[in-house]
Amino acid sequence: MIGLSARAARQFRELREHYEDRERPEATRRLIAALEEASRKIEVTPSAGLAAPRPYPHLARPDRLWIKAGRYWIAYQPATPVIVGVFYETANIPRRL
């Protein structure tokens, strides 16, 4: 699996803790599976992501791409590659990025 930035690691940890606090082990497994899926896709074709999540086109940046895995949007830097953001699909991403 490719690495996570400090911010992405914090976002992952907060999501996992949220699911664990609510006793939702299946949600935790889906989160982990989504990160693994995104990582595989990024490793195979780093440039295959989208410029921005479909609901948030204004988040496009030249050094960042986005990939949808499960119910999560994963932001990453294709040059490194490193995951820089992990968001549930209905999260208000602009307020959290």
Protein backbone atom coordinates (compact mmCIF):
# COMPACT_ATOMS: atom_id res chain seq x y z
CA MET A 1 0.00 0.00 0.00
CA ILE A 2 1.29 3.48 -0.79
CA GLY A 3 1.96 5.87 2.05
CA LEU A 4 -0.33 8.37 3.69
CA SER A 5 0.55 11.95 4.52
CA ALA A 6 0.16 13.00 8.16
CA ARG A 7 -3.17 14.65 7.31
CA ALA A 8 -4.50 11.56 5.49
CA ALA A 9 -3.37 9.32 8.36
CA ARG A 10 -5.28 11.56 10.79
CA GLN A 11 -8.39 11.50 8.60
CA PHE A 12 -8.18 7.70 8.35
CA ARG A 13 -7.71 7.38 12.11
CA GLU A 14 -10.67 9.68 12.84
CA LEU A 15 -12.94 7.74 10.48
CA ARG A 16 -11.84 4.42 11.98
CA GLU A 17 -12.39 5.68 15.54
CA HIS A 18 -15.80 7.04 14.56
CA TYR A 19 -16.82 3.58 13.28
CA GLU A 20 -15.32 1.77 16.25
CA ASP A 21 -17.05 4.10 18.75
CA ARG A 22 -20.35 3.25 17.07
CA GLU A 23 -19.53 -0.46 16.99
CA ARG A 24 -19.56 -0.63 13.19
CA PRO A 25 -16.84 -3.17 12.33
CA GLU A 26 -18.12 -3.64 8.78
CA ALA A 27 -17.71 0.10 8.12
CA THR A 28 -14.13 -0.14 9.39
CA ARG A 29 -13.47 -3.08 7.04
CA ARG A 30 -14.95 -1.14 4.09
CA LEU A 31 -12.73 1.85 4.90
CA ILE A 32 -9.62 -0.32 4.94
CA ALA A 33 -10.70 -2.10 1.75
CA ALA A 34 -11.26 1.27 0.03
CA LEU A 35 -7.74 2.44 0.92
CA GLU A 36 -6.27 -0.83 -0.34
CA GLU A 37 -8.27 -0.59 -3.59
CA ALA A 38 -7.23 3.03 -4.14
CA SER A 39 -3.62 2.18 -3.41
CA ARG A 40 -3.62 -0.64 -5.98
CA LYS A 41 -5.17 1.59 -8.64
CA ILE A 42 -2.70 4.40 -7.93
CA GLU A 43 0.30 2.04 -8.03
CA VAL A 44 -0.77 0.62 -11.41
CA THR A 45 -1.63 3.93 -13.08
CA PRO A 46 -0.74 7.00 -10.99
CA SER A 47 -2.16 9.40 -13.59
CA ALA A 48 -5.58 7.72 -13.82
CA GLY A 49 -7.32 9.82 -11.17
CA LEU A 50 -9.74 12.67 -11.70
CA ALA A 51 -8.78 16.32 -11.40
CA ALA A 52 -11.34 16.72 -8.59
CA PRO A 53 -14.27 14.85 -7.05
CA ARG A 54 -17.32 15.22 -9.26
CA PRO A 55 -19.32 17.15 -6.61
CA TYR A 56 -16.40 19.54 -5.99
CA PRO A 57 -14.77 20.56 -9.31
CA HIS A 58 -13.28 23.68 -7.69
CA LEU A 59 -10.89 21.44 -5.69
CA ALA A 60 -8.76 20.72 -8.77
CA ARG A 61 -5.05 21.36 -8.20
CA PRO A 62 -2.15 20.64 -10.54
CA ASP A 63 -0.33 18.47 -7.97
CA ARG A 64 -3.33 16.39 -6.85
CA LEU A 65 -5.64 13.76 -8.32
CA TRP A 66 -8.69 12.05 -6.86
CA ILE A 67 -9.92 8.49 -7.07
CA LYS A 68 -13.22 6.99 -5.89
CA ALA A 69 -12.88 3.73 -3.97
CA GLY A 70 -15.95 2.24 -2.36
CA ARG A 71 -17.78 5.13 -0.73
CA TYR A 72 -14.64 7.23 -0.27
CA TRP A 73 -12.87 9.92 -2.24
CA ILE A 74 -9.12 9.51 -1.98
CA ALA A 75 -6.86 12.47 -2.82
CA TYR A 76 -3.27 11.74 -3.81
CA GLN A 77 -0.15 13.25 -5.28
CA PRO A 78 0.68 11.23 -8.39
CA ALA A 79 4.33 12.32 -8.57
CA THR A 80 5.24 10.82 -5.19
CA PRO A 81 2.72 8.90 -5.00
CA VAL A 82 1.24 9.50 -1.56
CA ILE A 83 -2.36 9.65 -0.35
CA VAL A 84 -3.08 13.11 1.03
CA GLY A 85 -6.80 12.88 1.88
CA VAL A 86 -9.48 10.33 2.75
CA PHE A 87 -13.10 11.46 2.72
CA TYR A 88 -16.45 9.72 2.99
CA GLU A 89 -18.42 10.42 -0.19
CA THR A 90 -20.98 12.67 1.54
CA ALA A 91 -18.43 14.62 3.60
CA ASN A 92 -18.16 18.35 3.11
CA ILE A 93 -14.69 18.04 1.60
CA PRO A 94 -14.02 21.77 1.05
CA ARG A 95 -14.45 22.39 4.77
CA ARG A 96 -12.14 19.50 5.71
CA LEU A 97 -9.31 19.83 3.21
